[in-house]
Amino acid sequence: MNTVAERIPDATAVLSKALLNAGRLLGLSQTDLGVIVGKDRSSIARGLDPQSKSGELALLLIRCYRSLYVLVGGEGADLRHWMHTENRDTGGVPAQQVRSVQGLTRVLEYLDAMRGRV
């Protein structure tokens, strides 16, 4: 009987990779991501603990990405356009707003509300 050791992914590596992918698709640099989660950009690549404050902020940004992805039908150009264009409903440019906790939650609440209407 052959047994293959099941490899369980490391949660810190998975979160880090998801954050980097979401950031890239939203048109955010690694420096931007570092400001958003409160970590140096190089430490993000080493992993983020989902239970830490930085990990929680990363999860919120990933939720923003997922909600926006659904709203724009997965179009990468539309994702980036929405993030980098003035938005009257959120009161600013989302890519700049998500750099603070208050702005990140405001953008997320808006996207969740819009997604509920779809």
PDB file of N, CA and C in Angstrom:
ATOM      1  N   MET A   1       0.846  -1.180   0.000  1.00  0.00           N
ATOM      2  CA  MET A   1       0.000   0.000   0.000  1.00  0.00           C
ATOM      3  C   MET A   1       0.890   1.241   0.000  1.00  0.00           C
ATOM      4  N   ASN A   2       0.660   2.086  -0.958  1.00  0.00           N
ATOM      5  CA  ASN A   2       1.410   3.332  -1.035  1.00  0.00           C
ATOM      6  C   ASN A   2       0.673   4.423  -0.279  1.00  0.00           C
ATOM      7  N   THR A   3       1.404   5.106   0.545  1.00  0.00           N
ATOM      8  CA  THR A   3       0.809   6.246   1.232  1.00  0.00           C
ATOM      9  C   THR A   3       1.585   7.490   0.845  1.00  0.00           C
ATOM     10  N   VAL A   4       0.836   8.479   0.537  1.00  0.00           N
ATOM     11  CA  VAL A   4       1.434   9.751   0.163  1.00  0.00           C
ATOM     12  C   VAL A   4       1.152  10.726   1.298  1.00  0.00           C
ATOM     13  N   ALA A   5       2.191  11.330   1.788  1.00  0.00           N
ATOM     14  CA  ALA A   5       2.007  12.299   2.861  1.00  0.00           C
ATOM     15  C   ALA A   5       1.223  13.489   2.319  1.00  0.00           C
ATOM     16  N   GLU A   6       0.120  13.756   2.976  1.00  0.00           N
ATOM     17  CA  GLU A   6      -0.698  14.888   2.556  1.00  0.00           C
ATOM     18  C   GLU A   6      -0.038  16.166   3.055  1.00  0.00           C
ATOM     19  N   ARG A   7       0.174  17.062   2.149  1.00  0.00           N
ATOM     20  CA  ARG A   7       0.846  18.307   2.484  1.00  0.00           C
ATOM     21  C   ARG A   7      -0.198  19.353   2.844  1.00  0.00           C
ATOM     22  N   ILE A   8      -0.120  19.824   4.058  1.00  0.00           N
ATOM     23  CA  ILE A   8      -1.048  20.848   4.520  1.00  0.00           C
ATOM     24  C   ILE A   8      -0.379  22.203   4.326  1.00  0.00           C
ATOM     25  N   PRO A   9      -1.015  23.080   3.554  1.00  0.00           N
ATOM     26  CA  PRO A   9      -0.402  24.385   3.296  1.00  0.00           C
ATOM     27  C   PRO A   9      -0.268  25.208   4.579  1.00  0.00           C
ATOM     28  N   ASP A  10       0.786  25.958   4.670  1.00  0.00           N
ATOM     29  CA  ASP A  10       1.030  26.843   5.795  1.00  0.00           C
ATOM     30  C   ASP A  10       0.131  28.074   5.653  1.00  0.00           C
ATOM     31  N   ALA A  11      -0.679  28.341   6.670  1.00  0.00           N
ATOM     32  CA  ALA A  11      -1.643  29.449   6.610  1.00  0.00           C
ATOM     33  C   ALA A  11      -0.961  30.794   6.386  1.00  0.00           C
ATOM     34  N   THR A  12       0.218  30.978   6.948  1.00  0.00           N
ATOM     35  CA  THR A  12       0.908  32.259   6.769  1.00  0.00           C
ATOM     36  C   THR A  12       1.349  32.451   5.322  1.00  0.00           C
ATOM     37  N   ALA A  13       1.802  31.363   4.698  1.00  0.00           N
ATOM     38  CA  ALA A  13       2.238  31.446   3.298  1.00  0.00           C
ATOM     39  C   ALA A  13       1.042  31.649   2.369  1.00  0.00           C
ATOM     40  N   VAL A  14      -0.063  30.964   2.675  1.00  0.00           N
ATOM     41  CA  VAL A  14      -1.266  31.086   1.845  1.00  0.00           C
ATOM     42  C   VAL A  14      -1.801  32.516   1.899  1.00  0.00           C
ATOM     43  N   LEU A  15      -1.865  33.086   3.099  1.00  0.00           N
ATOM     44  CA  LEU A  15      -2.375  34.455   3.235  1.00  0.00           C
ATOM     45  C   LEU A  15      -1.463  35.446   2.520  1.00  0.00           C
ATOM     46  N   SER A  16      -0.177  35.267   2.671  1.00  0.00           N
ATOM     47  CA  SER A  16       0.776  36.156   2.008  1.00  0.00           C
ATOM     48  C   SER A  16       0.624  36.101   0.492  1.00  0.00           C
ATOM     49  N   LYS A  17       0.517  34.898  -0.039  1.00  0.00           N
ATOM     50  CA  LYS A  17       0.371  34.740  -1.490  1.00  0.00           C
ATOM     51  C   LYS A  17      -0.951  35.339  -1.972  1.00  0.00           C
ATOM     52  N   ALA A  18      -2.029  35.112  -1.214  1.00  0.00           N
ATOM     53  CA  ALA A  18      -3.339  35.660  -1.591  1.00  0.00           C
ATOM     54  C   ALA A  18      -3.311  37.186  -1.577  1.00  0.00           C
ATOM     55  N   LEU A  19      -2.656  37.768  -0.575  1.00  0.00           N
ATOM     56  CA  LEU A  19      -2.560  39.227  -0.498  1.00  0.00           C
ATOM     57  C   LEU A  19      -1.768  39.781  -1.674  1.00  0.00           C
ATOM     58  N   LEU A  20      -0.642  39.167  -1.981  1.00  0.00           N
ATOM     59  CA  LEU A  20       0.184  39.639  -3.096  1.00  0.00           C
ATOM     60  C   LEU A  20      -0.565  39.529  -4.426  1.00  0.00           C
ATOM     61  N   ASN A  21      -1.295  38.430  -4.609  1.00  0.00           N
ATOM     62  CA  ASN A  21      -2.072  38.263  -5.844  1.00  0.00           C
ATOM     63  C   ASN A  21      -3.202  39.289  -5.938  1.00  0.00           C
ATOM     64  N   ALA A  22      -3.939  39.472  -4.843  1.00  0.00           N
ATOM     65  CA  ALA A  22      -5.036  40.445  -4.846  1.00  0.00           C
ATOM     66  C   ALA A  22      -4.491  41.848  -5.102  1.00  0.00           C
ATOM     67  N   GLY A  23      -3.401  42.179  -4.446  1.00  0.00           N
ATOM     68  CA  GLY A  23      -2.800  43.496  -4.640  1.00  0.00           C
ATOM     69  C   GLY A  23      -2.378  43.732  -6.075  1.00  0.00           C
ATOM     70  N   ARG A  24      -1.752  42.732  -6.669  1.00  0.00           N
ATOM     71  CA  ARG A  24      -1.307  42.852  -8.064  1.00  0.00           C
ATOM     72  C   ARG A  24      -2.502  43.082  -8.977  1.00  0.00           C
ATOM     73  N   LEU A  25      -3.576  42.316  -8.775  1.00  0.00           N
ATOM     74  CA  LEU A  25      -4.752  42.432  -9.630  1.00  0.00           C
ATOM     75  C   LEU A  25      -5.509  43.744  -9.411  1.00  0.00           C
ATOM     76  N   LEU A  26      -5.364  44.325  -8.221  1.00  0.00           N
ATOM     77  CA  LEU A  26      -6.005  45.613  -7.933  1.00  0.00           C
ATOM     78  C   LEU A  26      -5.127  46.794  -8.335  1.00  0.00           C
ATOM     79  N   GLY A  27      -3.933  46.502  -8.821  1.00  0.00           N
ATOM     80  CA  GLY A  27      -3.026  47.572  -9.231  1.00  0.00           C
ATOM     81  C   GLY A  27      -2.309  48.235  -8.069  1.00  0.00           C
ATOM     82  N   LEU A  28      -2.120  47.493  -6.975  1.00  0.00           N
ATOM     83  CA  LEU A  28      -1.426  48.018  -5.802  1.00  0.00           C
ATOM     84  C   LEU A  28      -0.013  47.448  -5.756  1.00  0.00           C
ATOM     85  N   SER A  29       0.948  48.280  -5.432  1.00  0.00           N
ATOM     86  CA  SER A  29       2.338  47.824  -5.343  1.00  0.00           C
ATOM     87  C   SER A  29       2.571  47.102  -4.011  1.00  0.00           C
ATOM     88  N   GLN A  30       3.711  46.426  -3.909  1.00  0.00           N
ATOM     89  CA  GLN A  30       4.049  45.773  -2.644  1.00  0.00           C
ATOM     90  C   GLN A  30       4.256  46.811  -1.544  1.00  0.00           C
ATOM     91  N   THR A  31       4.739  47.973  -1.910  1.00  0.00           N
ATOM     92  CA  THR A  31       4.882  49.054  -0.931  1.00  0.00           C
ATOM     93  C   THR A  31       3.508  49.484  -0.428  1.00  0.00           C
ATOM     94  N   ASP A  32       2.536  49.605  -1.341  1.00  0.00           N
ATOM     95  CA  ASP A  32       1.156  49.932  -0.950  1.00  0.00           C
ATOM     96  C   ASP A  32       0.621  48.877   0.013  1.00  0.00           C
ATOM     97  N   LEU A  33       0.832  47.611  -0.321  1.00  0.00           N
ATOM     98  CA  LEU A  33       0.347  46.529   0.533  1.00  0.00           C
ATOM     99  C   LEU A  33       0.981  46.604   1.913  1.00  0.00           C
ATOM    100  N   GLY A  34       2.262  46.942   1.959  1.00  0.00           N
ATOM    101  CA  GLY A  34       2.945  47.086   3.238  1.00  0.00           C
ATOM    102  C   GLY A  34       2.320  48.170   4.102  1.00  0.00           C
ATOM    103  N   VAL A  35       1.963  49.290   3.478  1.00  0.00           N
ATOM    104  CA  VAL A  35       1.307  50.382   4.207  1.00  0.00           C
ATOM    105  C   VAL A  35      -0.061  49.921   4.700  1.00  0.00           C
ATOM    106  N   ILE A  36      -0.795  49.214   3.866  1.00  0.00           N
ATOM    107  CA  ILE A  36      -2.149  48.771   4.213  1.00  0.00           C
ATOM    108  C   ILE A  36      -2.137  47.833   5.410  1.00  0.00           C
ATOM    109  N   VAL A  37      -1.232  46.859   5.415  1.00  0.00           N
ATOM    110  CA  VAL A  37      -1.216  45.862   6.499  1.00  0.00           C
ATOM    111  C   VAL A  37      -0.246  46.217   7.619  1.00  0.00           C
ATOM    112  N   GLY A  38       0.506  47.302   7.460  1.00  0.00           N
ATOM    113  CA  GLY A  38       1.409  47.727   8.519  1.00  0.00           C
ATOM    114  C   GLY A  38       2.670  46.898   8.647  1.00  0.00           C
ATOM    115  N   LYS A  39       3.140  46.378   7.543  1.00  0.00           N
ATOM    116  CA  LYS A  39       4.370  45.570   7.528  1.00  0.00           C
ATOM    117  C   LYS A  39       5.276  46.061   6.418  1.00  0.00           C
ATOM    118  N   ASP A  40       6.562  45.804   6.573  1.00  0.00           N
ATOM    119  CA  ASP A  40       7.508  46.082   5.506  1.00  0.00           C
ATOM    120  C   ASP A  40       7.177  45.168   4.332  1.00  0.00           C
ATOM    121  N   ARG A  41       7.313  45.687   3.124  1.00  0.00           N
ATOM    122  CA  ARG A  41       6.926  44.901   1.944  1.00  0.00           C
ATOM    123  C   ARG A  41       7.685  43.589   1.845  1.00  0.00           C
ATOM    124  N   SER A  42       8.930  43.551   2.298  1.00  0.00           N
ATOM    125  CA  SER A  42       9.690  42.300   2.215  1.00  0.00           C
ATOM    126  C   SER A  42       9.210  41.283   3.244  1.00  0.00           C
ATOM    127  N   SER A  43       8.670  41.751   4.368  1.00  0.00           N
ATOM    128  CA  SER A  43       8.183  40.808   5.375  1.00  0.00           C
ATOM    129  C   SER A  43       6.866  40.163   4.955  1.00  0.00           C
ATOM    130  N   ILE A  44       6.137  40.798   4.045  1.00  0.00           N
ATOM    131  CA  ILE A  44       4.891  40.205   3.550  1.00  0.00           C
ATOM    132  C   ILE A  44       5.189  38.897   2.832  1.00  0.00           C
ATOM    133  N   ALA A  45       6.240  38.887   2.036  1.00  0.00           N
ATOM    134  CA  ALA A  45       6.598  37.685   1.277  1.00  0.00           C
ATOM    135  C   ALA A  45       6.999  36.536   2.191  1.00  0.00           C
ATOM    136  N   ARG A  46       7.455  36.844   3.401  1.00  0.00           N
ATOM    137  CA  ARG A  46       7.850  35.788   4.342  1.00  0.00           C
ATOM    138  C   ARG A  46       6.647  35.169   5.035  1.00  0.00           C
ATOM    139  N   GLY A  47       5.492  35.795   4.922  1.00  0.00           N
ATOM    140  CA  GLY A  47       4.278  35.234   5.499  1.00  0.00           C
ATOM    141  C   GLY A  47       3.600  36.172   6.476  1.00  0.00           C
ATOM    142  N   LEU A  48       2.284  36.063   6.542  1.00  0.00           N
ATOM    143  CA  LEU A  48       1.473  36.855   7.465  1.00  0.00           C
ATOM    144  C   LEU A  48       0.614  35.915   8.299  1.00  0.00           C
ATOM    145  N   ASP A  49       0.678  36.060   9.597  1.00  0.00           N
ATOM    146  CA  ASP A  49      -0.140  35.256  10.496  1.00  0.00           C
ATOM    147  C   ASP A  49      -1.586  35.751  10.407  1.00  0.00           C
ATOM    148  N   PRO A  50      -2.524  34.887  10.018  1.00  0.00           N
ATOM    149  CA  PRO A  50      -3.926  35.313   9.891  1.00  0.00           C
ATOM    150  C   PRO A  50      -4.525  35.828  11.203  1.00  0.00           C
ATOM    151  N   GLN A  51      -3.938  35.443  12.347  1.00  0.00           N
ATOM    152  CA  GLN A  51      -4.458  35.862  13.652  1.00  0.00           C
ATOM    153  C   GLN A  51      -3.905  37.215  14.097  1.00  0.00           C
ATOM    154  N   SER A  52      -2.897  37.727  13.399  1.00  0.00           N
ATOM    155  CA  SER A  52      -2.296  39.008  13.772  1.00  0.00           C
ATOM    156  C   SER A  52      -3.120  40.163  13.203  1.00  0.00           C
ATOM    157  N   LYS A  53      -2.841  41.371  13.703  1.00  0.00           N
ATOM    158  CA  LYS A  53      -3.532  42.554  13.188  1.00  0.00           C
ATOM    159  C   LYS A  53      -3.243  42.726  11.697  1.00  0.00           C
ATOM    160  N   SER A  54      -1.991  42.517  11.304  1.00  0.00           N
ATOM    161  CA  SER A  54      -1.624  42.619   9.884  1.00  0.00           C
ATOM    162  C   SER A  54      -2.366  41.575   9.060  1.00  0.00           C
ATOM    163  N   GLY A  55      -2.504  40.380   9.609  1.00  0.00           N
ATOM    164  CA  GLY A  55      -3.229  39.318   8.918  1.00  0.00           C
ATOM    165  C   GLY A  55      -4.695  39.656   8.743  1.00  0.00           C
ATOM    166  N   GLU A  56      -5.286  40.253   9.767  1.00  0.00           N
ATOM    167  CA  GLU A  56      -6.695  40.643   9.679  1.00  0.00           C
ATOM    168  C   GLU A  56      -6.900  41.722   8.622  1.00  0.00           C
ATOM    169  N   LEU A  57      -5.979  42.678   8.563  1.00  0.00           N
ATOM    170  CA  LEU A  57      -6.074  43.726   7.541  1.00  0.00           C
ATOM    171  C   LEU A  57      -5.902  43.136   6.144  1.00  0.00           C
ATOM    172  N   ALA A  58      -5.005  42.167   6.019  1.00  0.00           N
ATOM    173  CA  ALA A  58      -4.816  41.491   4.730  1.00  0.00           C
ATOM    174  C   ALA A  58      -6.104  40.791   4.313  1.00  0.00           C
ATOM    175  N   LEU A  59      -6.757  40.130   5.262  1.00  0.00           N
ATOM    176  CA  LEU A  59      -8.013  39.437   4.953  1.00  0.00           C
ATOM    177  C   LEU A  59      -9.096  40.423   4.513  1.00  0.00           C
ATOM    178  N   LEU A  60      -9.127  41.601   5.114  1.00  0.00           N
ATOM    179  CA  LEU A  60     -10.107  42.619   4.702  1.00  0.00           C
ATOM    180  C   LEU A  60      -9.852  43.081   3.270  1.00  0.00           C
ATOM    181  N   LEU A  61      -8.582  43.289   2.920  1.00  0.00           N
ATOM    182  CA  LEU A  61      -8.274  43.707   1.549  1.00  0.00           C
ATOM    183  C   LEU A  61      -8.621  42.596   0.560  1.00  0.00           C
ATOM    184  N   ILE A  62      -8.380  41.352   0.941  1.00  0.00           N
ATOM    185  CA  ILE A  62      -8.732  40.225   0.068  1.00  0.00           C
ATOM    186  C   ILE A  62     -10.251  40.165  -0.108  1.00  0.00           C
ATOM    187  N   ARG A  63     -11.002  40.451   0.954  1.00  0.00           N
ATOM    188  CA  ARG A  63     -12.465  40.518   0.822  1.00  0.00           C
ATOM    189  C   ARG A  63     -12.880  41.616  -0.144  1.00  0.00           C
ATOM    190  N   CYS A  64     -12.186  42.761  -0.095  1.00  0.00           N
ATOM    191  CA  CYS A  64     -12.465  43.846  -1.053  1.00  0.00           C
ATOM    192  C   CYS A  64     -12.263  43.336  -2.470  1.00  0.00           C
ATOM    193  N   TYR A  65     -11.143  42.669  -2.687  1.00  0.00           N
ATOM    194  CA  TYR A  65     -10.845  42.132  -4.018  1.00  0.00           C
ATOM    195  C   TYR A  65     -11.951  41.175  -4.467  1.00  0.00           C
ATOM    196  N   ARG A  66     -12.338  40.255  -3.604  1.00  0.00           N
ATOM    197  CA  ARG A  66     -13.348  39.254  -3.981  1.00  0.00           C
ATOM    198  C   ARG A  66     -14.689  39.907  -4.311  1.00  0.00           C
ATOM    199  N   SER A  67     -15.094  40.882  -3.517  1.00  0.00           N
ATOM    200  CA  SER A  67     -16.361  41.574  -3.790  1.00  0.00           C
ATOM    201  C   SER A  67     -16.294  42.343  -5.100  1.00  0.00           C
ATOM    202  N   LEU A  68     -15.206  43.056  -5.304  1.00  0.00           N
ATOM    203  CA  LEU A  68     -15.055  43.835  -6.534  1.00  0.00           C
ATOM    204  C   LEU A  68     -14.965  42.921  -7.751  1.00  0.00           C
ATOM    205  N   TYR A  69     -14.298  41.786  -7.600  1.00  0.00           N
ATOM    206  CA  TYR A  69     -14.177  40.813  -8.684  1.00  0.00           C
ATOM    207  C   TYR A  69     -15.568  40.398  -9.174  1.00  0.00           C
ATOM    208  N   VAL A  70     -16.463  40.118  -8.230  1.00  0.00           N
ATOM    209  CA  VAL A  70     -17.829  39.715  -8.582  1.00  0.00           C
ATOM    210  C   VAL A  70     -18.561  40.869  -9.268  1.00  0.00           C
ATOM    211  N   LEU A  71     -18.403  42.068  -8.748  1.00  0.00           N
ATOM    212  CA  LEU A  71     -19.125  43.222  -9.291  1.00  0.00           C
ATOM    213  C   LEU A  71     -18.718  43.579 -10.714  1.00  0.00           C
ATOM    214  N   VAL A  72     -17.436  43.405 -11.053  1.00  0.00           N
ATOM    215  CA  VAL A  72     -16.970  43.783 -12.393  1.00  0.00           C
ATOM    216  C   VAL A  72     -16.820  42.576 -13.311  1.00  0.00           C
ATOM    217  N   GLY A  73     -17.252  41.428 -12.866  1.00  0.00           N
ATOM    218  CA  GLY A  73     -17.197  40.243 -13.716  1.00  0.00           C
ATOM    219  C   GLY A  73     -15.790  39.718 -13.947  1.00  0.00           C
ATOM    220  N   GLY A  74     -14.884  40.013 -13.029  1.00  0.00           N
ATOM    221  CA  GLY A  74     -13.539  39.466 -13.124  1.00  0.00           C
ATOM    222  C   GLY A  74     -12.615  40.156 -14.107  1.00  0.00           C
ATOM    223  N   GLU A  75     -13.045  41.256 -14.682  1.00  0.00           N
ATOM    224  CA  GLU A  75     -12.208  41.985 -15.647  1.00  0.00           C
ATOM    225  C   GLU A  75     -11.095  42.737 -14.927  1.00  0.00           C
ATOM    226  N   GLY A  76      -9.847  42.338 -15.197  1.00  0.00           N
ATOM    227  CA  GLY A  76      -8.697  42.939 -14.528  1.00  0.00           C
ATOM    228  C   GLY A  76      -8.587  44.433 -14.722  1.00  0.00           C
ATOM    229  N   ALA A  77      -8.826  44.897 -15.939  1.00  0.00           N
ATOM    230  CA  ALA A  77      -8.729  46.336 -16.215  1.00  0.00           C
ATOM    231  C   ALA A  77      -9.790  47.100 -15.430  1.00  0.00           C
ATOM    232  N   ASP A  78     -10.973  46.517 -15.296  1.00  0.00           N
ATOM    233  CA  ASP A  78     -12.046  47.172 -14.549  1.00  0.00           C
ATOM    234  C   ASP A  78     -11.740  47.204 -13.051  1.00  0.00           C
ATOM    235  N   LEU A  79     -11.115  46.137 -12.543  1.00  0.00           N
ATOM    236  CA  LEU A  79     -10.705  46.107 -11.135  1.00  0.00           C
ATOM    237  C   LEU A  79      -9.756  47.266 -10.844  1.00  0.00           C
ATOM    238  N   ARG A  80      -8.733  47.398 -11.664  1.00  0.00           N
ATOM    239  CA  ARG A  80      -7.729  48.449 -11.472  1.00  0.00           C
ATOM    240  C   ARG A  80      -8.340  49.840 -11.667  1.00  0.00           C
ATOM    241  N   HIS A  81      -9.203  49.979 -12.673  1.00  0.00           N
ATOM    242  CA  HIS A  81      -9.844  51.273 -12.925  1.00  0.00           C
ATOM    243  C   HIS A  81     -10.669  51.703 -11.717  1.00  0.00           C
ATOM    244  N   TRP A  82     -11.467  50.794 -11.184  1.00  0.00           N
ATOM    245  CA  TRP A  82     -12.313  51.127 -10.042  1.00  0.00           C
ATOM    246  C   TRP A  82     -11.461  51.546  -8.843  1.00  0.00           C
ATOM    247  N   MET A  83     -10.383  50.839  -8.602  1.00  0.00           N
ATOM    248  CA  MET A  83      -9.532  51.138  -7.444  1.00  0.00           C
ATOM    249  C   MET A  83      -8.835  52.488  -7.562  1.00  0.00           C
ATOM    250  N   HIS A  84      -8.552  52.932  -8.771  1.00  0.00           N
ATOM    251  CA  HIS A  84      -7.727  54.127  -8.955  1.00  0.00           C
ATOM    252  C   HIS A  84      -8.495  55.335  -9.488  1.00  0.00           C
ATOM    253  N   THR A  85      -9.828  55.284  -9.394  1.00  0.00           N
ATOM    254  CA  THR A  85     -10.672  56.370  -9.878  1.00  0.00           C
ATOM    255  C   THR A  85     -11.475  56.941  -8.711  1.00  0.00           C
ATOM    256  N   GLU A  86     -11.636  58.241  -8.708  1.00  0.00           N
ATOM    257  CA  GLU A  86     -12.438  58.916  -7.674  1.00  0.00           C
ATOM    258  C   GLU A  86     -13.820  58.270  -7.597  1.00  0.00           C
ATOM    259  N   ASN A  87     -14.273  58.001  -6.379  1.00  0.00           N
ATOM    260  CA  ASN A  87     -15.569  57.371  -6.166  1.00  0.00           C
ATOM    261  C   ASN A  87     -16.364  58.246  -5.201  1.00  0.00           C
ATOM    262  N   ARG A  88     -17.438  58.818  -5.696  1.00  0.00           N
ATOM    263  CA  ARG A  88     -18.265  59.702  -4.873  1.00  0.00           C
ATOM    264  C   ARG A  88     -18.872  58.964  -3.685  1.00  0.00           C
ATOM    265  N   ASP A  89     -19.252  57.713  -3.894  1.00  0.00           N
ATOM    266  CA  ASP A  89     -19.922  56.964  -2.830  1.00  0.00           C
ATOM    267  C   ASP A  89     -18.994  56.616  -1.672  1.00  0.00           C
ATOM    268  N   THR A  90     -17.731  56.341  -1.960  1.00  0.00           N
ATOM    269  CA  THR A  90     -16.790  56.034  -0.878  1.00  0.00           C
ATOM    270  C   THR A  90     -16.099  57.291  -0.368  1.00  0.00           C
ATOM    271  N   GLY A  91     -16.213  58.377  -1.111  1.00  0.00           N
ATOM    272  CA  GLY A  91     -15.638  59.640  -0.684  1.00  0.00           C
ATOM    273  C   GLY A  91     -14.166  59.813  -0.999  1.00  0.00           C
ATOM    274  N   GLY A  92     -13.689  59.144  -2.042  1.00  0.00           N
ATOM    275  CA  GLY A  92     -12.284  59.289  -2.419  1.00  0.00           C
ATOM    276  C   GLY A  92     -11.872  58.261  -3.452  1.00  0.00           C
ATOM    277  N   VAL A  93     -10.575  58.105  -3.602  1.00  0.00           N
ATOM    278  CA  VAL A  93     -10.021  57.098  -4.508  1.00  0.00           C
ATOM    279  C   VAL A  93      -9.759  55.846  -3.670  1.00  0.00           C
ATOM    280  N   PRO A  94     -10.444  54.730  -3.947  1.00  0.00           N
ATOM    281  CA  PRO A  94     -10.307  53.542  -3.117  1.00  0.00           C
ATOM    282  C   PRO A  94      -8.863  53.093  -2.870  1.00  0.00           C
ATOM    283  N   ALA A  95      -7.993  53.182  -3.871  1.00  0.00           N
ATOM    284  CA  ALA A  95      -6.598  52.758  -3.688  1.00  0.00           C
ATOM    285  C   ALA A  95      -5.900  53.599  -2.626  1.00  0.00           C
ATOM    286  N   GLN A  96      -6.321  54.844  -2.468  1.00  0.00           N
ATOM    287  CA  GLN A  96      -5.752  55.697  -1.420  1.00  0.00           C
ATOM    288  C   GLN A  96      -6.471  55.475  -0.097  1.00  0.00           C
ATOM    289  N   GLN A  97      -7.769  55.249  -0.162  1.00  0.00           N
ATOM    290  CA  GLN A  97      -8.550  55.067   1.057  1.00  0.00           C
ATOM    291  C   GLN A  97      -8.141  53.817   1.826  1.00  0.00           C
ATOM    292  N   VAL A  98      -7.838  52.731   1.121  1.00  0.00           N
ATOM    293  CA  VAL A  98      -7.521  51.470   1.803  1.00  0.00           C
ATOM    294  C   VAL A  98      -6.200  51.529   2.554  1.00  0.00           C
ATOM    295  N   ARG A  99      -5.475  52.617   2.443  1.00  0.00           N
ATOM    296  CA  ARG A  99      -4.203  52.769   3.156  1.00  0.00           C
ATOM    297  C   ARG A  99      -4.417  53.036   4.650  1.00  0.00           C
ATOM    298  N   SER A 100      -5.652  53.335   5.047  1.00  0.00           N
ATOM    299  CA  SER A 100      -5.975  53.482   6.473  1.00  0.00           C
ATOM    300  C   SER A 100      -7.034  52.442   6.831  1.00  0.00           C
ATOM    301  N   VAL A 101      -7.096  52.085   8.103  1.00  0.00           N
ATOM    302  CA  VAL A 101      -8.080  51.091   8.547  1.00  0.00           C
ATOM    303  C   VAL A 101      -9.491  51.614   8.312  1.00  0.00           C
ATOM    304  N   GLN A 102      -9.721  52.878   8.626  1.00  0.00           N
ATOM    305  CA  GLN A 102     -11.040  53.470   8.427  1.00  0.00           C
ATOM    306  C   GLN A 102     -11.431  53.446   6.953  1.00  0.00           C
ATOM    307  N   GLY A 103     -10.503  53.805   6.085  1.00  0.00           N
ATOM    308  CA  GLY A 103     -10.783  53.796   4.650  1.00  0.00           C
ATOM    309  C   GLY A 103     -11.004  52.395   4.116  1.00  0.00           C
ATOM    310  N   LEU A 104     -10.211  51.447   4.597  1.00  0.00           N
ATOM    311  CA  LEU A 104     -10.354  50.054   4.166  1.00  0.00           C
ATOM    312  C   LEU A 104     -11.732  49.526   4.530  1.00  0.00           C
ATOM    313  N   THR A 105     -12.175  49.795   5.756  1.00  0.00           N
ATOM    314  CA  THR A 105     -13.502  49.311   6.155  1.00  0.00           C
ATOM    315  C   THR A 105     -14.610  50.040   5.395  1.00  0.00           C
ATOM    316  N   ARG A 106     -14.410  51.315   5.105  1.00  0.00           N
ATOM    317  CA  ARG A 106     -15.416  52.068   4.336  1.00  0.00           C
ATOM    318  C   ARG A 106     -15.571  51.477   2.932  1.00  0.00           C
ATOM    319  N   VAL A 107     -14.454  51.213   2.264  1.00  0.00           N
ATOM    320  CA  VAL A 107     -14.487  50.630   0.919  1.00  0.00           C
ATOM    321  C   VAL A 107     -15.116  49.242   0.972  1.00  0.00           C
ATOM    322  N   LEU A 108     -14.744  48.447   1.963  1.00  0.00           N
ATOM    323  CA  LEU A 108     -15.294  47.094   2.083  1.00  0.00           C
ATOM    324  C   LEU A 108     -16.800  47.128   2.332  1.00  0.00           C
ATOM    325  N   GLU A 109     -17.254  48.006   3.209  1.00  0.00           N
ATOM    326  CA  GLU A 109     -18.694  48.114   3.472  1.00  0.00           C
ATOM    327  C   GLU A 109     -19.453  48.512   2.211  1.00  0.00           C
ATOM    328  N   TYR A 110     -18.893  49.435   1.447  1.00  0.00           N
ATOM    329  CA  TYR A 110     -19.523  49.859   0.198  1.00  0.00           C
ATOM    330  C   TYR A 110     -19.619  48.683  -0.776  1.00  0.00           C
ATOM    331  N   LEU A 111     -18.504  47.962  -0.947  1.00  0.00           N
ATOM    332  CA  LEU A 111     -18.500  46.832  -1.886  1.00  0.00           C
ATOM    333  C   LEU A 111     -19.460  45.737  -1.440  1.00  0.00           C
ATOM    334  N   ASP A 112     -19.498  45.462  -0.137  1.00  0.00           N
ATOM    335  CA  ASP A 112     -20.431  44.451   0.371  1.00  0.00           C
ATOM    336  C   ASP A 112     -21.874  44.871   0.115  1.00  0.00           C
ATOM    337  N   ALA A 113     -22.170  46.159   0.306  1.00  0.00           N
ATOM    338  CA  ALA A 113     -23.530  46.655   0.059  1.00  0.00           C
ATOM    339  C   ALA A 113     -23.881  46.551  -1.421  1.00  0.00           C
ATOM    340  N   MET A 114     -22.959  46.928  -2.286  1.00  0.00           N
ATOM    341  CA  MET A 114     -23.204  46.839  -3.727  1.00  0.00           C
ATOM    342  C   MET A 114     -23.351  45.390  -4.167  1.00  0.00           C
ATOM    343  N   ARG A 115     -22.560  44.528  -3.594  1.00  0.00           N
ATOM    344  CA  ARG A 115     -22.618  43.111  -3.950  1.00  0.00           C
ATOM    345  C   ARG A 115     -23.961  42.513  -3.537  1.00  0.00           C
ATOM    346  N   GLY A 116     -24.512  42.993  -2.429  1.00  0.00           N
ATOM    347  CA  GLY A 116     -25.815  42.515  -1.977  1.00  0.00           C
ATOM    348  C   GLY A 116     -26.929  42.873  -2.943  1.00  0.00           C
ATOM    349  N   ARG A 117     -26.715  43.911  -3.753  1.00  0.00           N
ATOM    350  CA  ARG A 117     -27.718  44.349  -4.724  1.00  0.00           C
ATOM    351  C   ARG A 117     -27.646  43.561  -6.020  1.00  0.00           C
ATOM    352  N   VAL A 118     -26.527  42.868  -6.263  1.00  0.00           N
ATOM    353  CA  VAL A 118     -26.341  42.155  -7.538  1.00  0.00           C
ATOM    354  C   VAL A 118     -27.219  40.938  -7.579  1.00  0.00           C
TER     355      VAL A 118
END
